Amino acid sequence: MKRFLIPLLLLTLCGAAQADFGVSKFTNPICGAADPCIVKCPEGKGYWYVYSSNTGIYSEYALTPADFKHDYLNKIFGAKPGSDYADEFWAPELHRLGGKWYIYFTASSGEAAIHRMYVVSGDDPMKPFGDIKCMGDCDGDNAIDQTVFEYKGKLYTSFSARVSDHQKLMLGEMASPWEIKGKPVCISHPEYEWEKACWPINEGPWAVERGGKLCILFSASAANMDEYCTGILTFAGGDIMDPKNWKKHPEPILKGQGNIQGTGHGMFTQDADGNDWFVFHCNRPHDGKVWAARFLGLQPVVWIDDIPHFSPVVEKPKYFKYEK
């Protein structure tokens, strides 16, 4: 009898250990958002959502990205009046490096349209962050939208630098999570018409690696325009710091459709099955003369030859699987 009880007990324990999954039905857009960052909890259930106001950085927790409220209730880092980071907090990104959490963001003194990149650190995305460090001026009159990524054992950063008449994408190796090593190089500048609506812009980079292939997704054109969209660079191999080794796709890989326009500044997260989703902001159609309200959108990713592809963005219901 005992030899039958042991397998039965093992089956019972395995069944108890299996996660209880749910499916969330949602329709784009989901909630207010600008430059959204959603990170799946590496230990346990749920997701963290990090976003900013003019005067600080906020975080939320939810079981699924479709449940975020964007309610500005949990402030985890604030502006310091009279400092270089007194106002205009933009594009916070949450990253875990070496067992510690870091948030990269841009801010200004509020007295001039000059933004600099900063990093703060913390132990819990729902609790206050501190120990602020500036990442430097990076040879532009603006340095914004910093992201970081690891590739072949080294840490790199990509960001957008504004020069006299355009914004370009930069790439640099990092000496530590708070210090850029050497001089960054330009890996992309606006070339195609879809990158130049209203103003020639490349910004909002996000790196993703799959099957040994490294890509950087980025936003193109002015963020106040319906034409704001998502492009992609692919690394062809060789020296990652050689701009000639980065190839730009000649068409955007995600752009607006119907009532969902301005599809840019995105990043990746995963559902409970490990499927990749693109997190981005969007807006309702408008004339571009004023800033339209921006909202959170989610789009499933289809991988073809280890390159991400997206179907056209639509408002019809989608389904996101999550762990209860």
C-alpha atoms as a PDB file:
ATOM      1  CA  MET A   1       0.000   0.000   0.000  1.00  0.00           C
ATOM      2  CA  LYS A   2       2.843   2.440   0.852  1.00  0.00           C
ATOM      3  CA  ARG A   3       4.289   2.296  -2.667  1.00  0.00           C
ATOM      4  CA  PHE A   4       0.991   3.733  -3.977  1.00  0.00           C
ATOM      5  CA  LEU A   5       0.715   6.395  -1.279  1.00  0.00           C
ATOM      6  CA  ILE A   6       4.085   8.026  -2.141  1.00  0.00           C
ATOM      7  CA  PRO A   7       3.270   8.759  -5.825  1.00  0.00           C
ATOM      8  CA  LEU A   8      -0.189   9.946  -4.770  1.00  0.00           C
ATOM      9  CA  LEU A   9       1.351  12.298  -2.184  1.00  0.00           C
ATOM     10  CA  LEU A  10       3.821  13.653  -4.755  1.00  0.00           C
ATOM     11  CA  LEU A  11       1.010  14.326  -7.212  1.00  0.00           C
ATOM     12  CA  THR A  12      -0.969  16.118  -4.492  1.00  0.00           C
ATOM     13  CA  LEU A  13       2.010  18.289  -3.532  1.00  0.00           C
ATOM     14  CA  CYS A  14       2.751  19.131  -7.178  1.00  0.00           C
ATOM     15  CA  GLY A  15      -0.860  20.107  -7.723  1.00  0.00           C
ATOM     16  CA  ALA A  16      -0.822  22.325  -4.654  1.00  0.00           C
ATOM     17  CA  ALA A  17       2.399  23.979  -5.828  1.00  0.00           C
ATOM     18  CA  GLN A  18       0.984  24.856  -9.224  1.00  0.00           C
ATOM     19  CA  ALA A  19      -0.008  28.487  -9.561  1.00  0.00           C
ATOM     20  CA  ASP A  20      -3.601  29.573  -9.828  1.00  0.00           C
ATOM     21  CA  PHE A  21      -3.921  31.547 -13.053  1.00  0.00           C
ATOM     22  CA  GLY A  22      -6.473  34.121 -14.138  1.00  0.00           C
ATOM     23  CA  VAL A  23      -7.182  35.944 -17.371  1.00  0.00           C
ATOM     24  CA  SER A  24      -7.767  39.691 -17.440  1.00  0.00           C
ATOM     25  CA  LYS A  25      -9.858  41.120 -20.268  1.00  0.00           C
ATOM     26  CA  PHE A  26      -8.985  44.672 -21.259  1.00  0.00           C
ATOM     27  CA  THR A  27      -9.423  47.198 -24.050  1.00  0.00           C
ATOM     28  CA  ASN A  28      -6.844  49.776 -25.124  1.00  0.00           C
ATOM     29  CA  PRO A  29      -6.316  52.382 -23.818  1.00  0.00           C
ATOM     30  CA  ILE A  30      -6.230  51.279 -20.179  1.00  0.00           C
ATOM     31  CA  CYS A  31      -5.464  54.268 -17.951  1.00  0.00           C
ATOM     32  CA  GLY A  32      -3.589  57.543 -17.971  1.00  0.00           C
ATOM     33  CA  ALA A  33       0.112  57.203 -18.773  1.00  0.00           C
ATOM     34  CA  ALA A  34       3.143  58.895 -20.281  1.00  0.00           C
ATOM     35  CA  ASP A  35       6.394  56.997 -20.850  1.00  0.00           C
ATOM     36  CA  PRO A  36       5.111  53.954 -18.930  1.00  0.00           C
ATOM     37  CA  CYS A  37       7.354  51.389 -17.242  1.00  0.00           C
ATOM     38  CA  ILE A  38       5.836  48.104 -16.058  1.00  0.00           C
ATOM     39  CA  VAL A  39       8.045  45.443 -14.478  1.00  0.00           C
ATOM     40  CA  LYS A  40       7.017  41.924 -13.536  1.00  0.00           C
ATOM     41  CA  CYS A  41       7.901  41.060  -9.941  1.00  0.00           C
ATOM     42  CA  PRO A  42      10.912  38.705 -10.162  1.00  0.00           C
ATOM     43  CA  GLU A  43       9.879  36.981  -6.928  1.00  0.00           C
ATOM     44  CA  GLY A  44       6.176  36.452  -6.376  1.00  0.00           C
ATOM     45  CA  LYS A  45       3.080  37.608  -8.202  1.00  0.00           C
ATOM     46  CA  GLY A  46       2.113  40.814  -9.913  1.00  0.00           C
ATOM     47  CA  TYR A  47       3.659  43.872 -11.538  1.00  0.00           C
ATOM     48  CA  TRP A  48       5.063  47.243 -10.591  1.00  0.00           C
ATOM     49  CA  TYR A  49       4.145  50.352 -12.552  1.00  0.00           C
ATOM     50  CA  VAL A  50       6.504  53.337 -12.282  1.00  0.00           C
ATOM     51  CA  TYR A  51       5.565  56.774 -13.663  1.00  0.00           C
ATOM     52  CA  SER A  52       6.159  60.467 -12.986  1.00  0.00           C
ATOM     53  CA  SER A  53       4.577  63.865 -12.523  1.00  0.00           C
ATOM     54  CA  ASN A  54       6.323  67.208 -12.896  1.00  0.00           C
ATOM     55  CA  THR A  55       7.537  66.941  -9.322  1.00  0.00           C
ATOM     56  CA  GLY A  56       8.279  63.309  -8.605  1.00  0.00           C
ATOM     57  CA  ILE A  57       8.124  59.574  -9.259  1.00  0.00           C
ATOM     58  CA  TYR A  58       5.313  57.218  -8.240  1.00  0.00           C
ATOM     59  CA  SER A  59       4.766  53.467  -8.159  1.00  0.00           C
ATOM     60  CA  GLU A  60       1.816  51.088  -8.041  1.00  0.00           C
ATOM     61  CA  TYR A  61       1.358  47.342  -7.646  1.00  0.00           C
ATOM     62  CA  ALA A  62      -1.260  45.180  -9.373  1.00  0.00           C
ATOM     63  CA  LEU A  63      -1.744  41.540 -10.362  1.00  0.00           C
ATOM     64  CA  THR A  64      -1.974  42.520 -14.025  1.00  0.00           C
ATOM     65  CA  PRO A  65      -0.963  45.587 -16.074  1.00  0.00           C
ATOM     66  CA  ALA A  66      -4.623  46.008 -17.042  1.00  0.00           C
ATOM     67  CA  ASP A  67      -5.458  46.837 -13.387  1.00  0.00           C
ATOM     68  CA  PHE A  68      -3.280  49.913 -12.848  1.00  0.00           C
ATOM     69  CA  LYS A  69      -5.034  53.156 -11.872  1.00  0.00           C
ATOM     70  CA  HIS A  70      -2.322  55.813 -12.404  1.00  0.00           C
ATOM     71  CA  ASP A  71      -3.601  57.513  -9.260  1.00  0.00           C
ATOM     72  CA  TYR A  72      -0.474  59.331  -7.967  1.00  0.00           C
ATOM     73  CA  LEU A  73      -0.973  57.961  -4.444  1.00  0.00           C
ATOM     74  CA  ASN A  74       2.425  56.350  -3.755  1.00  0.00           C
ATOM     75  CA  LYS A  75       5.256  58.846  -4.239  1.00  0.00           C
ATOM     76  CA  ILE A  76       8.689  57.211  -3.962  1.00  0.00           C
ATOM     77  CA  PHE A  77      10.950  60.105  -4.962  1.00  0.00           C
ATOM     78  CA  GLY A  78      10.354  63.842  -5.070  1.00  0.00           C
ATOM     79  CA  ALA A  79      11.762  67.057  -6.488  1.00  0.00           C
ATOM     80  CA  LYS A  80      14.113  69.264  -4.489  1.00  0.00           C
ATOM     81  CA  PRO A  81      13.166  72.948  -4.913  1.00  0.00           C
ATOM     82  CA  GLY A  82      16.046  75.077  -6.119  1.00  0.00           C
ATOM     83  CA  SER A  83      18.048  72.094  -7.357  1.00  0.00           C
ATOM     84  CA  ASP A  84      18.830  70.806 -10.848  1.00  0.00           C
ATOM     85  CA  TYR A  85      16.050  68.240 -10.318  1.00  0.00           C
ATOM     86  CA  ALA A  86      13.341  70.603  -9.157  1.00  0.00           C
ATOM     87  CA  ASP A  87      10.796  69.981 -11.910  1.00  0.00           C
ATOM     88  CA  GLU A  88       9.745  68.186 -15.105  1.00  0.00           C
ATOM     89  CA  PHE A  89      10.412  64.571 -14.143  1.00  0.00           C
ATOM     90  CA  TRP A  90      10.250  62.408 -17.279  1.00  0.00           C
ATOM     91  CA  ALA A  91      10.415  58.751 -18.317  1.00  0.00           C
ATOM     92  CA  PRO A  92      11.350  56.836 -15.133  1.00  0.00           C
ATOM     93  CA  GLU A  93      12.581  53.291 -15.745  1.00  0.00           C
ATOM     94  CA  LEU A  94      12.897  50.612 -13.065  1.00  0.00           C
ATOM     95  CA  HIS A  95      15.785  48.135 -13.353  1.00  0.00           C
ATOM     96  CA  ARG A  96      17.225  45.485 -11.051  1.00  0.00           C
ATOM     97  CA  LEU A  97      21.022  45.326 -11.188  1.00  0.00           C
ATOM     98  CA  GLY A  98      23.167  43.263  -8.853  1.00  0.00           C
ATOM     99  CA  GLY A  99      20.263  42.586  -6.507  1.00  0.00           C
ATOM    100  CA  LYS A 100      19.408  46.284  -6.063  1.00  0.00           C
ATOM    101  CA  TRP A 101      16.673  48.398  -7.660  1.00  0.00           C
ATOM    102  CA  TYR A 102      17.499  51.515  -9.669  1.00  0.00           C
ATOM    103  CA  ILE A 103      15.233  54.106 -11.258  1.00  0.00           C
ATOM    104  CA  TYR A 104      16.631  56.114 -14.173  1.00  0.00           C
ATOM    105  CA  PHE A 105      14.815  59.338 -15.074  1.00  0.00           C
ATOM    106  CA  THR A 106      15.315  62.842 -16.418  1.00  0.00           C
ATOM    107  CA  ALA A 107      14.527  66.137 -14.698  1.00  0.00           C
ATOM    108  CA  SER A 108      15.249  69.833 -14.976  1.00  0.00           C
ATOM    109  CA  SER A 109      15.734  72.842 -12.721  1.00  0.00           C
ATOM    110  CA  GLY A 110      12.402  74.180 -13.996  1.00  0.00           C
ATOM    111  CA  GLU A 111      14.035  77.410 -15.123  1.00  0.00           C
ATOM    112  CA  ALA A 112      15.270  76.244 -18.525  1.00  0.00           C
ATOM    113  CA  ALA A 113      14.399  73.579 -21.061  1.00  0.00           C
ATOM    114  CA  ILE A 114      17.515  71.599 -20.179  1.00  0.00           C
ATOM    115  CA  HIS A 115      17.099  68.063 -18.894  1.00  0.00           C
ATOM    116  CA  ARG A 116      19.733  65.847 -17.350  1.00  0.00           C
ATOM    117  CA  MET A 117      19.704  62.134 -16.562  1.00  0.00           C
ATOM    118  CA  TYR A 118      19.604  60.909 -12.970  1.00  0.00           C
ATOM    119  CA  VAL A 119      19.523  57.614 -11.092  1.00  0.00           C
ATOM    120  CA  VAL A 120      18.179  56.788  -7.629  1.00  0.00           C
ATOM    121  CA  SER A 121      18.330  53.464  -5.803  1.00  0.00           C
ATOM    122  CA  GLY A 122      16.183  51.495  -3.384  1.00  0.00           C
ATOM    123  CA  ASP A 123      15.361  48.080  -1.964  1.00  0.00           C
ATOM    124  CA  ASP A 124      11.618  47.939  -2.684  1.00  0.00           C
ATOM    125  CA  PRO A 125       9.796  49.497  -5.686  1.00  0.00           C
ATOM    126  CA  MET A 126       6.887  50.444  -3.426  1.00  0.00           C
ATOM    127  CA  LYS A 127       9.046  52.308  -0.905  1.00  0.00           C
ATOM    128  CA  PRO A 128      11.060  55.551  -1.124  1.00  0.00           C
ATOM    129  CA  PHE A 129      14.177  55.721  -3.313  1.00  0.00           C
ATOM    130  CA  GLY A 130      17.179  57.956  -2.674  1.00  0.00           C
ATOM    131  CA  ASP A 131      20.942  58.459  -3.102  1.00  0.00           C
ATOM    132  CA  ILE A 132      20.469  60.501  -6.279  1.00  0.00           C
ATOM    133  CA  LYS A 133      23.318  60.745  -8.789  1.00  0.00           C
ATOM    134  CA  CYS A 134      23.529  62.744 -12.028  1.00  0.00           C
ATOM    135  CA  MET A 135      24.684  60.890 -15.147  1.00  0.00           C
ATOM    136  CA  GLY A 136      26.319  63.984 -16.715  1.00  0.00           C
ATOM    137  CA  ASP A 137      25.545  66.281 -19.628  1.00  0.00           C
ATOM    138  CA  CYS A 138      26.569  63.825 -22.397  1.00  0.00           C
ATOM    139  CA  ASP A 139      27.523  66.518 -24.952  1.00  0.00           C
ATOM    140  CA  GLY A 140      23.976  67.648 -25.758  1.00  0.00           C
ATOM    141  CA  ASP A 141      21.765  70.468 -24.567  1.00  0.00           C
ATOM    142  CA  ASN A 142      19.323  67.778 -23.443  1.00  0.00           C
ATOM    143  CA  ALA A 143      19.897  64.193 -22.321  1.00  0.00           C
ATOM    144  CA  ILE A 144      16.682  62.212 -21.737  1.00  0.00           C
ATOM    145  CA  ASP A 145      14.988  58.813 -21.746  1.00  0.00           C
ATOM    146  CA  GLN A 146      17.850  56.728 -20.384  1.00  0.00           C
ATOM    147  CA  THR A 147      17.589  52.951 -20.411  1.00  0.00           C
ATOM    148  CA  VAL A 148      20.163  50.356 -19.337  1.00  0.00           C
ATOM    149  CA  PHE A 149      20.738  46.755 -20.424  1.00  0.00           C
ATOM    150  CA  GLU A 150      23.240  43.947 -19.998  1.00  0.00           C
ATOM    151  CA  TYR A 151      24.856  42.321 -23.024  1.00  0.00           C
ATOM    152  CA  LYS A 152      27.569  39.643 -22.918  1.00  0.00           C
ATOM    153  CA  GLY A 153      28.428  40.400 -19.331  1.00  0.00           C
ATOM    154  CA  LYS A 154      28.685  44.183 -19.694  1.00  0.00           C
ATOM    155  CA  LEU A 155      26.279  46.962 -18.760  1.00  0.00           C
ATOM    156  CA  TYR A 156      25.277  49.506 -21.405  1.00  0.00           C
ATOM    157  CA  THR A 157      23.056  52.553 -21.594  1.00  0.00           C
ATOM    158  CA  SER A 158      21.113  54.133 -24.427  1.00  0.00           C
ATOM    159  CA  PHE A 159      19.445  57.549 -24.300  1.00  0.00           C
ATOM    160  CA  SER A 160      18.296  60.466 -26.440  1.00  0.00           C
ATOM    161  CA  ALA A 161      20.485  63.556 -26.829  1.00  0.00           C
ATOM    162  CA  ARG A 162      19.122  66.765 -28.313  1.00  0.00           C
ATOM    163  CA  VAL A 163      21.433  68.846 -30.456  1.00  0.00           C
ATOM    164  CA  SER A 164      20.606  72.049 -32.335  1.00  0.00           C
ATOM    165  CA  ASP A 165      17.966  70.726 -34.730  1.00  0.00           C
ATOM    166  CA  HIS A 166      17.208  67.087 -33.842  1.00  0.00           C
ATOM    167  CA  GLN A 167      17.294  64.349 -31.211  1.00  0.00           C
ATOM    168  CA  LYS A 168      19.506  61.315 -31.717  1.00  0.00           C
ATOM    169  CA  LEU A 169      20.038  57.970 -29.976  1.00  0.00           C
ATOM    170  CA  MET A 170      23.260  57.454 -28.061  1.00  0.00           C
ATOM    171  CA  LEU A 171      24.926  54.288 -26.775  1.00  0.00           C
ATOM    172  CA  GLY A 172      27.538  54.020 -24.026  1.00  0.00           C
ATOM    173  CA  GLU A 173      29.183  51.406 -21.867  1.00  0.00           C
ATOM    174  CA  MET A 174      28.698  51.835 -18.123  1.00  0.00           C
ATOM    175  CA  ALA A 175      31.373  51.583 -15.460  1.00  0.00           C
ATOM    176  CA  SER A 176      28.669  51.085 -12.817  1.00  0.00           C
ATOM    177  CA  PRO A 177      24.881  51.544 -12.545  1.00  0.00           C
ATOM    178  CA  TRP A 178      25.475  55.284 -11.901  1.00  0.00           C
ATOM    179  CA  GLU A 179      28.426  56.098 -14.191  1.00  0.00           C
ATOM    180  CA  ILE A 180      28.886  56.115 -17.983  1.00  0.00           C
ATOM    181  CA  LYS A 181      32.302  54.875 -19.106  1.00  0.00           C
ATOM    182  CA  GLY A 182      34.033  56.940 -21.768  1.00  0.00           C
ATOM    183  CA  LYS A 183      32.254  58.822 -24.537  1.00  0.00           C
ATOM    184  CA  PRO A 184      28.889  57.577 -25.870  1.00  0.00           C
ATOM    185  CA  VAL A 185      28.408  57.209 -29.620  1.00  0.00           C
ATOM    186  CA  CYS A 186      25.425  58.021 -31.854  1.00  0.00           C
ATOM    187  CA  ILE A 187      23.766  54.889 -33.227  1.00  0.00           C
ATOM    188  CA  SER A 188      20.706  56.511 -34.832  1.00  0.00           C
ATOM    189  CA  HIS A 189      19.509  59.902 -36.009  1.00  0.00           C
ATOM    190  CA  PRO A 190      16.245  60.785 -37.816  1.00  0.00           C
ATOM    191  CA  GLU A 191      16.506  59.844 -41.511  1.00  0.00           C
ATOM    192  CA  TYR A 192      13.050  58.824 -42.755  1.00  0.00           C
ATOM    193  CA  GLU A 193       9.933  60.961 -43.017  1.00  0.00           C
ATOM    194  CA  TRP A 194       8.183  58.940 -40.283  1.00  0.00           C
ATOM    195  CA  GLU A 195      10.946  60.051 -37.903  1.00  0.00           C
ATOM    196  CA  LYS A 196      10.458  63.743 -38.674  1.00  0.00           C
ATOM    197  CA  ALA A 197       6.781  64.642 -38.144  1.00  0.00           C
ATOM    198  CA  CYS A 198       6.826  68.140 -36.631  1.00  0.00           C
ATOM    199  CA  TRP A 199      10.395  67.666 -35.344  1.00  0.00           C
ATOM    200  CA  PRO A 200      13.160  65.125 -36.209  1.00  0.00           C
ATOM    201  CA  ILE A 201      13.329  62.918 -33.125  1.00  0.00           C
ATOM    202  CA  ASN A 202      14.708  59.568 -31.984  1.00  0.00           C
ATOM    203  CA  GLU A 203      14.010  58.940 -28.281  1.00  0.00           C
ATOM    204  CA  GLY A 204      12.676  56.454 -25.708  1.00  0.00           C
ATOM    205  CA  PRO A 205      15.055  53.520 -26.421  1.00  0.00           C
ATOM    206  CA  TRP A 206      14.460  50.035 -25.004  1.00  0.00           C
ATOM    207  CA  ALA A 207      16.802  47.066 -25.565  1.00  0.00           C
ATOM    208  CA  VAL A 208      15.647  43.479 -25.935  1.00  0.00           C
ATOM    209  CA  GLU A 209      17.656  40.334 -26.678  1.00  0.00           C
ATOM    210  CA  ARG A 210      16.313  37.012 -27.957  1.00  0.00           C
ATOM    211  CA  GLY A 211      18.066  34.072 -29.554  1.00  0.00           C
ATOM    212  CA  GLY A 212      21.351  35.937 -29.453  1.00  0.00           C
ATOM    213  CA  LYS A 213      19.911  38.861 -31.428  1.00  0.00           C
ATOM    214  CA  LEU A 214      19.962  42.309 -29.830  1.00  0.00           C
ATOM    215  CA  CYS A 215      17.469  45.014 -30.814  1.00  0.00           C
ATOM    216  CA  ILE A 216      16.761  48.524 -29.609  1.00  0.00           C
ATOM    217  CA  LEU A 217      13.221  49.817 -30.042  1.00  0.00           C
ATOM    218  CA  PHE A 218      12.797  53.589 -30.070  1.00  0.00           C
ATOM    219  CA  SER A 219      10.207  56.316 -30.558  1.00  0.00           C
ATOM    220  CA  ALA A 220      10.229  58.622 -33.555  1.00  0.00           C
ATOM    221  CA  SER A 221       8.727  62.043 -34.398  1.00  0.00           C
ATOM    222  CA  ALA A 222       7.325  64.511 -31.878  1.00  0.00           C
ATOM    223  CA  ALA A 223       5.469  63.007 -28.911  1.00  0.00           C
ATOM    224  CA  ASN A 224       2.627  65.540 -29.252  1.00  0.00           C
ATOM    225  CA  MET A 225       1.805  64.280 -32.765  1.00  0.00           C
ATOM    226  CA  ASP A 226      -0.443  61.419 -33.833  1.00  0.00           C
ATOM    227  CA  GLU A 227       2.469  60.317 -36.049  1.00  0.00           C
ATOM    228  CA  TYR A 228       4.575  59.427 -33.009  1.00  0.00           C
ATOM    229  CA  CYS A 229       5.514  55.777 -33.575  1.00  0.00           C
ATOM    230  CA  THR A 230       7.954  52.973 -32.774  1.00  0.00           C
ATOM    231  CA  GLY A 231      11.001  52.039 -34.836  1.00  0.00           C
ATOM    232  CA  ILE A 232      13.683  49.395 -34.376  1.00  0.00           C
ATOM    233  CA  LEU A 233      17.457  49.048 -34.640  1.00  0.00           C
ATOM    234  CA  THR A 234      19.116  45.631 -34.886  1.00  0.00           C
ATOM    235  CA  PHE A 235      22.684  44.854 -33.908  1.00  0.00           C
ATOM    236  CA  ALA A 236      24.498  43.127 -36.771  1.00  0.00           C
ATOM    237  CA  GLY A 237      27.361  41.822 -34.631  1.00  0.00           C
ATOM    238  CA  GLY A 238      30.935  42.878 -34.081  1.00  0.00           C
ATOM    239  CA  ASP A 239      31.776  45.853 -31.907  1.00  0.00           C
ATOM    240  CA  ILE A 240      28.587  46.985 -30.171  1.00  0.00           C
ATOM    241  CA  MET A 241      30.012  50.520 -29.883  1.00  0.00           C
ATOM    242  CA  ASP A 242      30.578  50.843 -33.645  1.00  0.00           C
ATOM    243  CA  PRO A 243      27.576  52.739 -35.120  1.00  0.00           C
ATOM    244  CA  LYS A 244      28.037  50.936 -38.463  1.00  0.00           C
ATOM    245  CA  ASN A 245      26.957  47.696 -36.774  1.00  0.00           C
ATOM    246  CA  TRP A 246      23.470  49.036 -35.974  1.00  0.00           C
ATOM    247  CA  LYS A 247      20.869  48.704 -38.754  1.00  0.00           C
ATOM    248  CA  LYS A 248      17.583  50.635 -38.789  1.00  0.00           C
ATOM    249  CA  HIS A 249      14.412  49.129 -40.240  1.00  0.00           C
ATOM    250  CA  PRO A 250      13.134  51.536 -42.924  1.00  0.00           C
ATOM    251  CA  GLU A 251       9.532  51.461 -41.645  1.00  0.00           C
ATOM    252  CA  PRO A 252       8.036  51.824 -38.145  1.00  0.00           C
ATOM    253  CA  ILE A 253       7.140  48.524 -36.501  1.00  0.00           C
ATOM    254  CA  LEU A 254       4.200  49.996 -34.562  1.00  0.00           C
ATOM    255  CA  LYS A 255       2.060  53.004 -35.430  1.00  0.00           C
ATOM    256  CA  GLY A 256      -1.380  54.290 -34.594  1.00  0.00           C
ATOM    257  CA  GLN A 257      -4.671  53.130 -36.029  1.00  0.00           C
ATOM    258  CA  GLY A 258      -8.161  54.616 -35.682  1.00  0.00           C
ATOM    259  CA  ASN A 259      -8.726  56.010 -32.195  1.00  0.00           C
ATOM    260  CA  ILE A 260      -5.332  54.760 -30.929  1.00  0.00           C
ATOM    261  CA  GLN A 261      -2.600  57.114 -32.137  1.00  0.00           C
ATOM    262  CA  GLY A 262       0.841  58.250 -30.982  1.00  0.00           C
ATOM    263  CA  THR A 263       2.031  54.717 -30.161  1.00  0.00           C
ATOM    264  CA  GLY A 264       5.485  55.266 -28.697  1.00  0.00           C
ATOM    265  CA  HIS A 265       7.875  55.144 -25.752  1.00  0.00           C
ATOM    266  CA  GLY A 266       7.434  51.446 -25.132  1.00  0.00           C
ATOM    267  CA  MET A 267       9.088  48.600 -23.239  1.00  0.00           C
ATOM    268  CA  PHE A 268       8.553  44.864 -22.740  1.00  0.00           C
ATOM    269  CA  THR A 269       6.973  42.831 -19.965  1.00  0.00           C
ATOM    270  CA  GLN A 270       5.725  39.225 -19.758  1.00  0.00           C
ATOM    271  CA  ASP A 271       2.507  37.451 -18.862  1.00  0.00           C
ATOM    272  CA  ALA A 272       2.216  34.370 -16.635  1.00  0.00           C
ATOM    273  CA  ASP A 273       3.046  32.053 -19.553  1.00  0.00           C
ATOM    274  CA  GLY A 274       6.230  33.967 -20.391  1.00  0.00           C
ATOM    275  CA  ASN A 275       4.767  35.593 -23.496  1.00  0.00           C
ATOM    276  CA  ASP A 276       6.160  39.039 -24.289  1.00  0.00           C
ATOM    277  CA  TRP A 277       3.938  42.128 -24.316  1.00  0.00           C
ATOM    278  CA  PHE A 278       4.783  45.624 -25.473  1.00  0.00           C
ATOM    279  CA  VAL A 279       3.861  48.390 -23.021  1.00  0.00           C
ATOM    280  CA  PHE A 280       3.490  51.829 -24.628  1.00  0.00           C
ATOM    281  CA  HIS A 281       1.666  55.122 -24.398  1.00  0.00           C
ATOM    282  CA  CYS A 282      -0.840  56.410 -26.919  1.00  0.00           C
ATOM    283  CA  ASN A 283      -3.388  59.189 -27.404  1.00  0.00           C
ATOM    284  CA  ARG A 284      -6.718  59.864 -29.039  1.00  0.00           C
ATOM    285  CA  PRO A 285      -6.539  61.576 -32.454  1.00  0.00           C
ATOM    286  CA  HIS A 286      -5.871  65.326 -32.176  1.00  0.00           C
ATOM    287  CA  ASP A 287      -4.463  68.171 -34.255  1.00  0.00           C
ATOM    288  CA  GLY A 288      -1.085  68.313 -32.523  1.00  0.00           C
ATOM    289  CA  LYS A 289      -1.307  72.003 -31.630  1.00  0.00           C
ATOM    290  CA  VAL A 290      -1.687  71.107 -27.959  1.00  0.00           C
ATOM    291  CA  TRP A 291      -0.608  68.073 -25.980  1.00  0.00           C
ATOM    292  CA  ALA A 292      -3.269  65.387 -25.865  1.00  0.00           C
ATOM    293  CA  ALA A 293      -3.791  63.183 -22.817  1.00  0.00           C
ATOM    294  CA  ARG A 294      -1.675  60.048 -23.055  1.00  0.00           C
ATOM    295  CA  PHE A 295      -2.808  56.580 -22.037  1.00  0.00           C
ATOM    296  CA  LEU A 296      -1.374  53.134 -21.307  1.00  0.00           C
ATOM    297  CA  GLY A 297      -1.610  50.510 -24.034  1.00  0.00           C
ATOM    298  CA  LEU A 298      -0.651  46.817 -24.207  1.00  0.00           C
ATOM    299  CA  GLN A 299       0.145  44.850 -27.338  1.00  0.00           C
ATOM    300  CA  PRO A 300       1.170  41.161 -27.684  1.00  0.00           C
ATOM    301  CA  VAL A 301       4.525  40.565 -29.348  1.00  0.00           C
ATOM    302  CA  VAL A 302       5.018  38.098 -32.207  1.00  0.00           C
ATOM    303  CA  TRP A 303       8.602  36.904 -32.722  1.00  0.00           C
ATOM    304  CA  ILE A 304       9.755  36.185 -36.279  1.00  0.00           C
ATOM    305  CA  ASP A 305      13.421  35.181 -36.672  1.00  0.00           C
ATOM    306  CA  ASP A 306      14.012  36.569 -33.169  1.00  0.00           C
ATOM    307  CA  ILE A 307      12.822  40.037 -34.214  1.00  0.00           C
ATOM    308  CA  PRO A 308       9.689  41.485 -32.493  1.00  0.00           C
ATOM    309  CA  HIS A 309       6.637  42.197 -34.660  1.00  0.00           C
ATOM    310  CA  PHE A 310       3.265  43.705 -33.778  1.00  0.00           C
ATOM    311  CA  SER A 311      -0.162  43.469 -35.322  1.00  0.00           C
ATOM    312  CA  PRO A 312      -1.970  46.808 -35.818  1.00  0.00           C
ATOM    313  CA  VAL A 313      -3.096  48.404 -32.558  1.00  0.00           C
ATOM    314  CA  VAL A 314      -6.852  48.159 -32.108  1.00  0.00           C
ATOM    315  CA  GLU A 315      -9.267  48.836 -29.257  1.00  0.00           C
ATOM    316  CA  LYS A 316     -11.017  45.461 -29.301  1.00  0.00           C
ATOM    317  CA  PRO A 317     -10.675  43.345 -26.125  1.00  0.00           C
ATOM    318  CA  LYS A 318      -7.438  41.489 -25.438  1.00  0.00           C
ATOM    319  CA  TYR A 319      -6.626  38.923 -22.769  1.00  0.00           C
ATOM    320  CA  PHE A 320      -3.682  38.924 -20.374  1.00  0.00           C
ATOM    321  CA  LYS A 321      -2.887  35.791 -18.334  1.00  0.00           C
ATOM    322  CA  TYR A 322      -1.623  36.427 -14.809  1.00  0.00           C
ATOM    323  CA  GLU A 323      -0.844  34.553 -11.616  1.00  0.00           C
ATOM    324  CA  LYS A 324      -3.483  35.043  -8.919  1.00  0.00           C
END
